[in-house]
Amino acid sequence: MTNSASFSKKCLGNDVNLLGAAPINPTPPKTKESMNVKRLAATALISTLLISYAGAETRTYGSIDLTGLAKASWNLNPLGESNAMVCNVNGPDGFLTIRAQPNSNSKAKRRLKRLAIVVVDTREQVGKWVKVVTANRTHSPSGQSQPLKDLRVTGWAHSNYLCDFLD
């Protein structure tokens, strides 16, 4: 079915409406409110993208490439166990603390330096905290290969300090 506006254009090549109805305007007029809504929606989208990427360490240490925060890929593994590498420990401490409970006031169980591999169970998450099953090290914090070292620990790690990696 053809609307009157397109019928007019096809027949006459201009906006004269042969059927006597008011012309159909396919795009609503731009108002301050509609522009503000669009601007807010765009800002929210950009903020969400930046926040999810913010703090993601993407850097190469020796043969190790850190490729961003691991939590972004955890939903791809329905079994729950995933390997992640300690990252984003650039502050004065230089380590990630594995804690007994999922909060920063809980007892520290072990401190892991950059590039330690942490095995996490992504089915067990509390806020930004994820359950740690164990940990090991195959590279020094600067990225030099070294013999496998078992860093036995269980507890909780904050997901902002765990990155996906390529070796």
N, C-alpha and C. Protein backbone atom coordinates (compact mmCIF):
# COMPACT_ATOMS: atom_id res chain seq x y z
N MET A 1 0.84 -1.17 0.00
CA MET A 1 0.00 0.00 0.00
C MET A 1 0.89 1.23 0.00
N THR A 2 0.51 2.23 -0.75
CA THR A 2 1.30 3.44 -0.88
C THR A 2 0.69 4.54 -0.02
N ASN A 3 1.52 5.22 0.78
CA ASN A 3 0.95 6.32 1.56
C ASN A 3 0.80 7.55 0.68
N SER A 4 0.04 8.51 1.13
CA SER A 4 -0.27 9.66 0.28
C SER A 4 0.96 10.49 -0.05
N ALA A 5 1.91 10.56 0.85
CA ALA A 5 3.10 11.35 0.57
C ALA A 5 3.90 10.73 -0.56
N SER A 6 4.07 9.40 -0.54
CA SER A 6 4.85 8.78 -1.61
C SER A 6 4.04 8.77 -2.91
N PHE A 7 2.71 8.68 -2.83
CA PHE A 7 1.87 8.73 -4.03
C PHE A 7 2.05 10.08 -4.70
N SER A 8 2.07 11.13 -3.92
CA SER A 8 2.25 12.46 -4.48
C SER A 8 3.59 12.59 -5.15
N LYS A 9 4.65 12.12 -4.52
CA LYS A 9 5.98 12.24 -5.08
C LYS A 9 6.11 11.45 -6.37
N LYS A 10 5.56 10.24 -6.40
CA LYS A 10 5.67 9.41 -7.58
C LYS A 10 4.92 10.00 -8.76
N CYS A 11 3.78 10.60 -8.48
CA CYS A 11 2.97 11.12 -9.56
C CYS A 11 3.43 12.48 -10.05
N LEU A 12 3.82 13.32 -9.17
CA LEU A 12 4.08 14.70 -9.55
C LEU A 12 5.54 15.13 -9.38
N GLY A 13 6.32 14.35 -8.64
CA GLY A 13 7.71 14.72 -8.42
C GLY A 13 7.88 15.83 -7.41
N ASN A 14 6.80 16.20 -6.73
CA ASN A 14 6.92 17.20 -5.68
C ASN A 14 6.08 16.79 -4.50
N ASP A 15 5.94 17.65 -3.50
CA ASP A 15 5.26 17.30 -2.26
C ASP A 15 3.77 17.62 -2.25
N VAL A 16 3.17 17.82 -3.38
CA VAL A 16 1.74 18.08 -3.43
C VAL A 16 1.01 16.78 -3.15
N ASN A 17 0.03 16.82 -2.26
CA ASN A 17 -0.71 15.63 -1.86
C ASN A 17 -2.02 15.59 -2.64
N LEU A 18 -2.19 14.60 -3.51
CA LEU A 18 -3.38 14.50 -4.33
C LEU A 18 -4.60 14.02 -3.57
N LEU A 19 -4.42 13.35 -2.43
CA LEU A 19 -5.54 12.77 -1.71
C LEU A 19 -6.12 13.71 -0.67
N GLY A 20 -5.55 14.87 -0.49
CA GLY A 20 -6.08 15.85 0.42
C GLY A 20 -5.67 15.67 1.88
N ALA A 21 -4.94 14.62 2.20
CA ALA A 21 -4.49 14.41 3.57
C ALA A 21 -3.25 15.24 3.83
N ALA A 22 -3.00 15.44 5.09
CA ALA A 22 -1.79 16.18 5.46
C ALA A 22 -0.57 15.35 5.05
N PRO A 23 0.49 15.98 4.58
CA PRO A 23 1.69 15.24 4.19
C PRO A 23 2.25 14.45 5.38
N ILE A 24 2.79 13.29 5.09
CA ILE A 24 3.38 12.44 6.12
C ILE A 24 4.84 12.81 6.26
N ASN A 25 5.25 13.12 7.46
CA ASN A 25 6.64 13.48 7.73
C ASN A 25 7.32 12.25 8.33
N PRO A 26 8.19 11.56 7.58
CA PRO A 26 8.80 10.33 8.10
C PRO A 26 9.77 10.55 9.25
N THR A 27 10.32 11.73 9.39
CA THR A 27 11.23 11.99 10.51
C THR A 27 10.63 13.09 11.37
N PRO A 28 10.48 12.82 12.68
CA PRO A 28 9.90 13.83 13.56
C PRO A 28 10.81 15.04 13.66
N PRO A 29 10.24 16.19 13.96
CA PRO A 29 11.08 17.39 14.08
C PRO A 29 12.05 17.24 15.26
N LYS A 30 13.21 17.82 15.10
CA LYS A 30 14.21 17.76 16.16
C LYS A 30 13.87 18.79 17.22
N THR A 31 13.69 18.30 18.43
CA THR A 31 13.42 19.19 19.55
C THR A 31 14.59 19.12 20.51
N LYS A 32 14.62 20.05 21.44
CA LYS A 32 15.69 20.02 22.45
C LYS A 32 15.63 18.72 23.24
N GLU A 33 14.40 18.28 23.59
CA GLU A 33 14.27 17.05 24.38
C GLU A 33 14.79 15.84 23.61
N SER A 34 14.42 15.73 22.32
CA SER A 34 14.86 14.56 21.56
C SER A 34 16.37 14.57 21.37
N MET A 35 16.95 15.74 21.19
CA MET A 35 18.41 15.83 21.05
C MET A 35 19.10 15.48 22.37
N ASN A 36 18.53 15.93 23.50
CA ASN A 36 19.10 15.60 24.81
C ASN A 36 19.03 14.11 25.09
N VAL A 37 17.91 13.47 24.73
CA VAL A 37 17.77 12.03 24.93
C VAL A 37 18.81 11.28 24.10
N LYS A 38 18.98 11.68 22.85
CA LYS A 38 19.98 11.03 21.99
C LYS A 38 21.39 11.24 22.54
N ARG A 39 21.66 12.45 23.01
CA ARG A 39 22.99 12.76 23.56
C ARG A 39 23.25 11.93 24.82
N LEU A 40 22.24 11.81 25.70
CA LEU A 40 22.38 11.00 26.92
C LEU A 40 22.59 9.53 26.59
N ALA A 41 21.86 9.01 25.60
CA ALA A 41 22.01 7.61 25.22
C ALA A 41 23.41 7.35 24.67
N ALA A 42 23.91 8.25 23.84
CA ALA A 42 25.25 8.09 23.28
C ALA A 42 26.30 8.17 24.38
N THR A 43 26.14 9.09 25.32
CA THR A 43 27.08 9.23 26.43
C THR A 43 27.08 7.97 27.30
N ALA A 44 25.89 7.41 27.56
CA ALA A 44 25.79 6.20 28.37
C ALA A 44 26.49 5.03 27.68
N LEU A 45 26.30 4.90 26.38
CA LEU A 45 26.95 3.82 25.63
C LEU A 45 28.46 3.96 25.67
N ILE A 46 28.95 5.14 25.41
CA ILE A 46 30.40 5.38 25.42
C ILE A 46 30.96 5.14 26.82
N SER A 47 30.28 5.61 27.85
CA SER A 47 30.74 5.41 29.23
C SER A 47 30.80 3.94 29.57
N THR A 48 29.79 3.18 29.18
CA THR A 48 29.78 1.74 29.45
C THR A 48 30.96 1.05 28.78
N LEU A 49 31.21 1.41 27.52
CA LEU A 49 32.35 0.80 26.82
C LEU A 49 33.67 1.17 27.47
N LEU A 50 33.82 2.42 27.86
CA LEU A 50 35.08 2.84 28.48
C LEU A 50 35.27 2.21 29.85
N ILE A 51 34.20 2.13 30.64
CA ILE A 51 34.31 1.55 31.97
C ILE A 51 34.68 0.08 31.88
N SER A 52 34.08 -0.65 30.94
CA SER A 52 34.39 -2.07 30.82
C SER A 52 35.83 -2.29 30.34
N TYR A 53 36.38 -1.30 29.62
CA TYR A 53 37.74 -1.44 29.14
C TYR A 53 38.74 -0.74 30.06
N ALA A 54 38.27 0.20 30.85
CA ALA A 54 39.16 0.98 31.69
C ALA A 54 39.98 0.08 32.59
N GLY A 55 41.26 0.36 32.68
CA GLY A 55 42.11 -0.41 33.56
C GLY A 55 42.59 -1.72 32.98
N ALA A 56 42.13 -2.08 31.79
CA ALA A 56 42.56 -3.34 31.20
C ALA A 56 43.98 -3.19 30.67
N GLU A 57 44.88 -3.95 31.26
CA GLU A 57 46.27 -3.89 30.83
C GLU A 57 46.44 -4.70 29.54
N THR A 58 46.85 -4.04 28.49
CA THR A 58 47.15 -4.70 27.22
C THR A 58 48.60 -4.36 26.91
N ARG A 59 49.47 -5.29 27.25
CA ARG A 59 50.91 -5.03 27.14
C ARG A 59 51.62 -6.35 26.95
N THR A 60 52.84 -6.29 26.43
CA THR A 60 53.65 -7.48 26.24
C THR A 60 54.81 -7.47 27.24
N TYR A 61 54.97 -8.61 27.91
CA TYR A 61 56.09 -8.83 28.83
C TYR A 61 56.81 -10.07 28.33
N GLY A 62 57.98 -9.91 27.73
CA GLY A 62 58.69 -11.07 27.16
C GLY A 62 57.81 -11.74 26.11
N SER A 63 57.48 -13.03 26.32
CA SER A 63 56.64 -13.75 25.37
C SER A 63 55.16 -13.73 25.76
N ILE A 64 54.82 -13.01 26.82
CA ILE A 64 53.43 -12.96 27.31
C ILE A 64 52.75 -11.69 26.81
N ASP A 65 51.59 -11.88 26.18
CA ASP A 65 50.76 -10.75 25.77
C ASP A 65 49.53 -10.70 26.67
N LEU A 66 49.39 -9.63 27.43
CA LEU A 66 48.17 -9.42 28.20
C LEU A 66 47.16 -8.77 27.26
N THR A 67 45.96 -9.34 27.19
CA THR A 67 45.00 -8.92 26.17
C THR A 67 43.73 -8.30 26.73
N GLY A 68 43.75 -7.83 27.96
CA GLY A 68 42.58 -7.18 28.54
C GLY A 68 42.00 -7.97 29.69
N LEU A 69 41.03 -7.39 30.35
CA LEU A 69 40.46 -8.02 31.54
C LEU A 69 39.83 -9.37 31.21
N ALA A 70 40.12 -10.36 32.03
CA ALA A 70 39.66 -11.73 31.81
C ALA A 70 38.16 -11.86 31.98
N LYS A 71 37.56 -11.06 32.85
CA LYS A 71 36.13 -11.23 33.13
C LYS A 71 35.28 -11.06 31.88
N ALA A 72 35.78 -10.38 30.88
CA ALA A 72 35.04 -10.20 29.63
C ALA A 72 34.85 -11.52 28.89
N SER A 73 35.74 -12.49 29.09
CA SER A 73 35.64 -13.77 28.37
C SER A 73 35.11 -14.91 29.23
N TRP A 74 34.85 -14.67 30.49
CA TRP A 74 34.44 -15.77 31.38
C TRP A 74 33.11 -16.39 31.00
N ASN A 75 32.20 -15.62 30.43
CA ASN A 75 30.91 -16.21 30.06
C ASN A 75 31.03 -17.18 28.89
N LEU A 76 32.18 -17.21 28.22
CA LEU A 76 32.40 -18.14 27.11
C LEU A 76 32.71 -19.54 27.59
N ASN A 77 33.00 -19.70 28.88
CA ASN A 77 33.35 -21.01 29.44
C ASN A 77 32.30 -21.42 30.46
N PRO A 78 31.33 -22.21 30.03
CA PRO A 78 30.25 -22.58 30.95
C PRO A 78 30.68 -23.53 32.07
N LEU A 79 31.85 -24.16 31.93
CA LEU A 79 32.31 -25.09 32.95
C LEU A 79 32.84 -24.38 34.19
N GLY A 80 33.20 -23.12 34.04
CA GLY A 80 33.57 -22.34 35.20
C GLY A 80 35.04 -22.12 35.43
N GLU A 81 35.90 -23.13 35.24
CA GLU A 81 37.32 -22.90 35.51
C GLU A 81 37.98 -22.21 34.33
N SER A 82 38.74 -21.18 34.65
CA SER A 82 39.42 -20.39 33.64
C SER A 82 40.78 -19.96 34.17
N ASN A 83 41.74 -19.85 33.26
CA ASN A 83 43.06 -19.32 33.62
C ASN A 83 43.07 -17.82 33.35
N ALA A 84 43.63 -17.08 34.26
CA ALA A 84 43.82 -15.65 34.09
C ALA A 84 45.19 -15.31 34.62
N MET A 85 45.70 -14.16 34.23
CA MET A 85 47.03 -13.77 34.65
C MET A 85 46.94 -12.47 35.46
N VAL A 86 47.71 -12.40 36.53
CA VAL A 86 47.73 -11.20 37.36
C VAL A 86 48.24 -10.03 36.52
N CYS A 87 47.50 -8.94 36.56
CA CYS A 87 47.86 -7.74 35.79
C CYS A 87 47.41 -6.50 36.57
N ASN A 88 47.66 -5.34 36.01
CA ASN A 88 47.23 -4.07 36.60
C ASN A 88 47.77 -3.84 38.01
N VAL A 89 48.92 -4.40 38.32
CA VAL A 89 49.52 -4.21 39.64
C VAL A 89 50.66 -3.21 39.53
N ASN A 90 50.35 -2.04 39.03
CA ASN A 90 51.36 -1.02 38.76
C ASN A 90 51.57 -0.06 39.92
N GLY A 91 50.78 -0.20 40.97
CA GLY A 91 50.89 0.69 42.12
C GLY A 91 52.10 0.39 42.97
N PRO A 92 52.18 1.01 44.12
CA PRO A 92 53.33 0.83 45.00
C PRO A 92 53.45 -0.60 45.54
N ASP A 93 52.31 -1.31 45.68
CA ASP A 93 52.37 -2.68 46.19
C ASP A 93 52.99 -3.63 45.16
N GLY A 94 52.51 -3.57 43.94
CA GLY A 94 53.05 -4.43 42.88
C GLY A 94 52.58 -5.87 42.96
N PHE A 95 51.47 -6.13 43.64
CA PHE A 95 50.98 -7.51 43.73
C PHE A 95 49.46 -7.51 43.89
N LEU A 96 48.87 -8.69 43.65
CA LEU A 96 47.45 -8.93 43.89
C LEU A 96 47.35 -9.78 45.15
N THR A 97 46.50 -9.38 46.05
CA THR A 97 46.30 -10.14 47.28
C THR A 97 45.11 -11.08 47.12
N ILE A 98 45.36 -12.38 47.34
CA ILE A 98 44.29 -13.37 47.38
C ILE A 98 43.75 -13.34 48.81
N ARG A 99 42.45 -13.19 48.94
CA ARG A 99 41.84 -13.01 50.26
C ARG A 99 40.96 -14.20 50.64
N ALA A 100 40.74 -14.36 51.95
CA ALA A 100 39.93 -15.47 52.47
C ALA A 100 38.46 -15.31 52.11
N GLN A 101 37.98 -14.09 52.04
CA GLN A 101 36.58 -13.78 51.70
C GLN A 101 36.56 -12.73 50.59
N PRO A 102 35.43 -12.58 49.90
CA PRO A 102 35.36 -11.62 48.79
C PRO A 102 35.19 -10.17 49.22
N ASN A 103 36.18 -9.66 49.94
CA ASN A 103 36.21 -8.24 50.28
C ASN A 103 37.63 -7.84 50.67
N SER A 104 37.92 -6.57 50.52
CA SER A 104 39.30 -6.10 50.74
C SER A 104 39.70 -6.03 52.21
N ASN A 105 38.76 -6.24 53.13
CA ASN A 105 39.09 -6.25 54.56
C ASN A 105 39.37 -7.65 55.09
N SER A 106 39.17 -8.63 54.24
CA SER A 106 39.35 -10.03 54.64
C SER A 106 40.83 -10.37 54.77
N LYS A 107 41.10 -11.44 55.52
CA LYS A 107 42.48 -11.90 55.74
C LYS A 107 43.18 -12.20 54.42
N ALA A 108 44.42 -11.71 54.29
CA ALA A 108 45.24 -11.99 53.11
C ALA A 108 45.78 -13.41 53.21
N LYS A 109 45.63 -14.17 52.11
CA LYS A 109 46.13 -15.55 52.10
C LYS A 109 47.44 -15.68 51.34
N ARG A 110 47.59 -14.87 50.29
CA ARG A 110 48.82 -14.92 49.49
C ARG A 110 48.87 -13.68 48.61
N ARG A 111 50.08 -13.23 48.32
CA ARG A 111 50.29 -12.10 47.42
C ARG A 111 50.94 -12.62 46.14
N LEU A 112 50.35 -12.27 45.01
CA LEU A 112 50.86 -12.74 43.72
C LEU A 112 51.33 -11.56 42.88
N LYS A 113 52.53 -11.67 42.34
CA LYS A 113 53.07 -10.62 41.48
C LYS A 113 52.54 -10.77 40.06
N ARG A 114 52.80 -9.74 39.26
CA ARG A 114 52.38 -9.73 37.86
C ARG A 114 52.78 -11.02 37.15
N LEU A 115 51.91 -11.48 36.27
CA LEU A 115 52.07 -12.64 35.39
C LEU A 115 51.93 -13.99 36.10
N ALA A 116 51.57 -14.00 37.39
CA ALA A 116 51.23 -15.28 38.00
C ALA A 116 49.93 -15.75 37.35
N ILE A 117 49.81 -17.05 37.09
CA ILE A 117 48.60 -17.62 36.51
C ILE A 117 47.67 -18.03 37.64
N VAL A 118 46.45 -17.56 37.57
CA VAL A 118 45.45 -17.84 38.60
C VAL A 118 44.33 -18.65 37.94
N VAL A 119 44.01 -19.79 38.54
CA VAL A 119 42.88 -20.60 38.07
C VAL A 119 41.68 -20.18 38.90
N VAL A 120 40.65 -19.67 38.21
CA VAL A 120 39.46 -19.18 38.91
C VAL A 120 38.24 -20.00 38.52
N ASP A 121 37.29 -20.06 39.42
CA ASP A 121 36.00 -20.70 39.15
C ASP A 121 34.99 -19.58 38.93
N THR A 122 34.69 -19.30 37.67
CA THR A 122 33.85 -18.16 37.34
C THR A 122 32.38 -18.37 37.72
N ARG A 123 32.01 -19.58 38.11
CA ARG A 123 30.64 -19.80 38.60
C ARG A 123 30.47 -19.22 39.99
N GLU A 124 31.60 -18.95 40.66
CA GLU A 124 31.55 -18.38 42.02
C GLU A 124 32.10 -16.95 41.98
N GLN A 125 31.18 -16.00 41.85
CA GLN A 125 31.54 -14.59 41.84
C GLN A 125 30.65 -13.84 42.82
N VAL A 126 31.26 -12.88 43.50
CA VAL A 126 30.52 -12.00 44.40
C VAL A 126 30.95 -10.58 44.02
N GLY A 127 30.05 -9.85 43.36
CA GLY A 127 30.42 -8.53 42.86
C GLY A 127 31.58 -8.67 41.88
N LYS A 128 32.67 -7.96 42.16
CA LYS A 128 33.85 -8.02 41.29
C LYS A 128 34.87 -9.05 41.77
N TRP A 129 34.52 -9.86 42.75
CA TRP A 129 35.41 -10.87 43.29
C TRP A 129 35.10 -12.23 42.67
N VAL A 130 36.14 -13.01 42.44
CA VAL A 130 35.98 -14.34 41.85
C VAL A 130 36.77 -15.35 42.68
N LYS A 131 36.25 -16.57 42.76
CA LYS A 131 36.87 -17.64 43.56
C LYS A 131 38.15 -18.13 42.89
N VAL A 132 39.23 -18.20 43.66
CA VAL A 132 40.52 -18.71 43.18
C VAL A 132 40.64 -20.17 43.59
N VAL A 133 40.94 -21.03 42.62
CA VAL A 133 41.09 -22.47 42.86
C VAL A 133 42.55 -22.79 43.19
N THR A 134 43.46 -22.20 42.44
CA THR A 134 44.90 -22.37 42.66
C THR A 134 45.65 -21.34 41.82
N ALA A 135 46.96 -21.36 41.92
CA ALA A 135 47.79 -20.45 41.12
C ALA A 135 49.14 -21.11 40.84
N ASN A 136 49.80 -20.64 39.79
CA ASN A 136 51.16 -21.10 39.49
C ASN A 136 51.88 -20.01 38.72
N ARG A 137 53.14 -20.25 38.47
CA ARG A 137 53.95 -19.27 37.75
C ARG A 137 54.80 -19.99 36.72
N THR A 138 54.79 -19.48 35.48
CA THR A 138 55.64 -20.00 34.41
C THR A 138 56.57 -18.93 33.85
N HIS A 139 56.35 -17.69 34.31
CA HIS A 139 57.16 -16.55 33.85
C HIS A 139 57.41 -15.61 35.01
N SER A 140 58.54 -14.94 34.97
CA SER A 140 58.84 -13.94 35.98
C SER A 140 57.93 -12.73 35.76
N PRO A 141 57.84 -11.82 36.72
CA PRO A 141 57.01 -10.62 36.53
C PRO A 141 57.42 -9.76 35.33
N SER A 142 58.65 -9.93 34.85
CA SER A 142 59.07 -9.17 33.66
C SER A 142 58.83 -9.94 32.37
N GLY A 143 58.37 -11.21 32.48
CA GLY A 143 58.02 -11.97 31.28
C GLY A 143 59.04 -13.03 30.86
N GLN A 144 60.09 -13.22 31.66
CA GLN A 144 61.08 -14.24 31.32
C GLN A 144 60.56 -15.62 31.70
N SER A 145 60.68 -16.58 30.79
CA SER A 145 60.23 -17.94 31.05
C SER A 145 61.02 -18.55 32.21
N GLN A 146 60.34 -19.35 33.02
CA GLN A 146 60.99 -20.01 34.14
C GLN A 146 60.29 -21.35 34.37
N PRO A 147 60.92 -22.25 35.12
CA PRO A 147 60.26 -23.54 35.40
C PRO A 147 58.94 -23.33 36.14
N LEU A 148 57.99 -24.23 35.91
CA LEU A 148 56.69 -24.16 36.57
C LEU A 148 56.86 -24.15 38.08
N LYS A 149 56.21 -23.21 38.72
CA LYS A 149 56.24 -23.11 40.17
C LYS A 149 54.80 -23.12 40.68
N ASP A 150 54.48 -24.06 41.54
CA ASP A 150 53.14 -24.16 42.11
C ASP A 150 52.99 -23.13 43.22
N LEU A 151 51.96 -22.31 43.14
CA LEU A 151 51.71 -21.27 44.15
C LEU A 151 50.39 -21.58 44.86
N ARG A 152 50.31 -22.75 45.43
CA ARG A 152 49.05 -23.23 46.02
C ARG A 152 48.38 -22.16 46.87
N VAL A 153 47.14 -21.88 46.48
CA VAL A 153 46.34 -20.92 47.22
C VAL A 153 44.88 -21.09 46.80
N THR A 154 44.00 -20.91 47.72
CA THR A 154 42.57 -20.81 47.42
C THR A 154 42.07 -19.56 48.13
N GLY A 155 41.05 -18.97 47.59
CA GLY A 155 40.51 -17.75 48.18
C GLY A 155 39.76 -16.95 47.15
N TRP A 156 39.88 -15.63 47.25
CA TRP A 156 39.15 -14.72 46.37
C TRP A 156 40.08 -13.65 45.82
N ALA A 157 39.89 -13.32 44.54
CA ALA A 157 40.68 -12.27 43.88
C ALA A 157 39.74 -11.25 43.27
N HIS A 158 40.17 -10.01 43.25
CA HIS A 158 39.38 -8.95 42.60
C HIS A 158 39.62 -9.05 41.10
N SER A 159 38.52 -9.10 40.33
CA SER A 159 38.62 -9.35 38.89
C SER A 159 39.28 -8.22 38.10
N ASN A 160 39.41 -7.03 38.66
CA ASN A 160 40.09 -5.94 37.94
C ASN A 160 41.60 -6.17 37.83
N TYR A 161 42.11 -7.22 38.49
CA TYR A 161 43.55 -7.50 38.47
C TYR A 161 43.85 -8.83 37.79
N LEU A 162 42.91 -9.29 36.97
CA LEU A 162 43.08 -10.55 36.25
C LEU A 162 42.84 -10.32 34.76
N CYS A 163 43.84 -10.69 33.96
CA CYS A 163 43.76 -10.45 32.51
C CYS A 163 43.80 -11.75 31.73
N ASP A 164 43.22 -11.72 30.53
CA ASP A 164 43.45 -12.79 29.57
C ASP A 164 44.87 -12.62 29.05
N PHE A 165 45.42 -13.72 28.55
CA PHE A 165 46.81 -13.67 28.08
C PHE A 165 47.07 -14.65 26.97
N LEU A 166 48.12 -14.38 26.21
CA LEU A 166 48.63 -15.28 25.18
C LEU A 166 50.10 -15.54 25.49
N ASP A 167 50.50 -16.80 25.35
CA ASP A 167 51.90 -17.16 25.60
C ASP A 167 52.48 -17.78 24.33
